[in-house]
Amino acid sequence: MRRKLHNTILRTITALAAATCVIGAMLLDSESLIPAAMVMGGIAWLTLFYYAQER
């Protein structure tokens, strides 16, 4: 039960990171640096999650 909850939380956060990455990519042409930070944060989380799953 506890492990299932842990996996659900991680998958939810990963889905949000992926959505943030896509939304940030669509807004990259704006003058603000916030979309770039969104994309970088999303890529960082997805990279860490990928390496954790491969281990």
C-alpha atoms as a PDB file:
ATOM      1  CA  MET A   1       0.000   0.000   0.000  1.00  0.00           C
ATOM      2  CA  ARG A   2       2.693   2.490   0.972  1.00  0.00           C
ATOM      3  CA  ARG A   3       4.807   1.698  -2.106  1.00  0.00           C
ATOM      4  CA  LYS A   4       1.789   2.119  -4.388  1.00  0.00           C
ATOM      5  CA  LEU A   5       1.102   5.567  -2.920  1.00  0.00           C
ATOM      6  CA  HIS A   6       4.764   6.505  -3.362  1.00  0.00           C
ATOM      7  CA  ASN A   7       4.685   5.471  -7.031  1.00  0.00           C
ATOM      8  CA  THR A   8       1.425   7.341  -7.614  1.00  0.00           C
ATOM      9  CA  ILE A   9       2.875  10.538  -6.167  1.00  0.00           C
ATOM     10  CA  LEU A  10       6.039  10.250  -8.270  1.00  0.00           C
ATOM     11  CA  ARG A  11       4.067   9.595 -11.456  1.00  0.00           C
ATOM     12  CA  THR A  12       1.797  12.563 -10.760  1.00  0.00           C
ATOM     13  CA  ILE A  13       4.757  14.880 -10.206  1.00  0.00           C
ATOM     14  CA  THR A  14       6.380  13.551 -13.377  1.00  0.00           C
ATOM     15  CA  ALA A  15       3.221  14.166 -15.408  1.00  0.00           C
ATOM     16  CA  LEU A  16       3.099  17.739 -14.074  1.00  0.00           C
ATOM     17  CA  ALA A  17       6.779  18.233 -14.950  1.00  0.00           C
ATOM     18  CA  ALA A  18       6.150  16.993 -18.481  1.00  0.00           C
ATOM     19  CA  ALA A  19       3.149  19.314 -18.869  1.00  0.00           C
ATOM     20  CA  THR A  20       5.186  22.228 -17.512  1.00  0.00           C
ATOM     21  CA  CYS A  21       7.945  21.445 -19.987  1.00  0.00           C
ATOM     22  CA  VAL A  22       5.510  21.436 -22.923  1.00  0.00           C
ATOM     23  CA  ILE A  23       3.756  24.635 -21.817  1.00  0.00           C
ATOM     24  CA  GLY A  24       7.097  26.349 -21.231  1.00  0.00           C
ATOM     25  CA  ALA A  25       8.286  25.282 -24.681  1.00  0.00           C
ATOM     26  CA  MET A  26       5.208  26.860 -26.248  1.00  0.00           C
ATOM     27  CA  LEU A  27       5.956  30.138 -24.443  1.00  0.00           C
ATOM     28  CA  LEU A  28       9.707  30.311 -25.163  1.00  0.00           C
ATOM     29  CA  ASP A  29       9.327  33.148 -27.658  1.00  0.00           C
ATOM     30  CA  SER A  30       8.211  35.584 -24.938  1.00  0.00           C
ATOM     31  CA  GLU A  31      10.572  38.163 -23.471  1.00  0.00           C
ATOM     32  CA  SER A  32      10.426  36.628 -19.992  1.00  0.00           C
ATOM     33  CA  LEU A  33      12.873  34.027 -18.692  1.00  0.00           C
ATOM     34  CA  ILE A  34      10.135  32.191 -16.794  1.00  0.00           C
ATOM     35  CA  PRO A  35       9.273  29.816 -19.680  1.00  0.00           C
ATOM     36  CA  ALA A  36      12.957  28.919 -20.063  1.00  0.00           C
ATOM     37  CA  ALA A  37      13.134  28.158 -16.349  1.00  0.00           C
ATOM     38  CA  MET A  38       9.994  26.033 -16.677  1.00  0.00           C
ATOM     39  CA  VAL A  39      11.519  24.013 -19.488  1.00  0.00           C
ATOM     40  CA  MET A  40      14.835  23.583 -17.684  1.00  0.00           C
ATOM     41  CA  GLY A  41      13.088  22.528 -14.462  1.00  0.00           C
ATOM     42  CA  GLY A  42      10.907  20.051 -16.318  1.00  0.00           C
ATOM     43  CA  ILE A  43      13.858  18.550 -18.170  1.00  0.00           C
ATOM     44  CA  ALA A  44      15.862  18.309 -14.950  1.00  0.00           C
ATOM     45  CA  TRP A  45      13.046  16.457 -13.160  1.00  0.00           C
ATOM     46  CA  LEU A  46      12.415  14.123 -16.098  1.00  0.00           C
ATOM     47  CA  THR A  47      16.145  13.344 -16.354  1.00  0.00           C
ATOM     48  CA  LEU A  48      16.405  12.570 -12.643  1.00  0.00           C
ATOM     49  CA  PHE A  49      13.265  10.435 -12.782  1.00  0.00           C
ATOM     50  CA  TYR A  50      14.605   8.529 -15.792  1.00  0.00           C
ATOM     51  CA  TYR A  51      17.913   7.769 -14.075  1.00  0.00           C
ATOM     52  CA  ALA A  52      16.115   6.688 -10.893  1.00  0.00           C
ATOM     53  CA  GLN A  53      13.951   4.279 -12.893  1.00  0.00           C
ATOM     54  CA  GLU A  54      16.950   2.822 -14.723  1.00  0.00           C
ATOM     55  CA  ARG A  55      18.792   2.087 -11.477  1.00  0.00           C
END
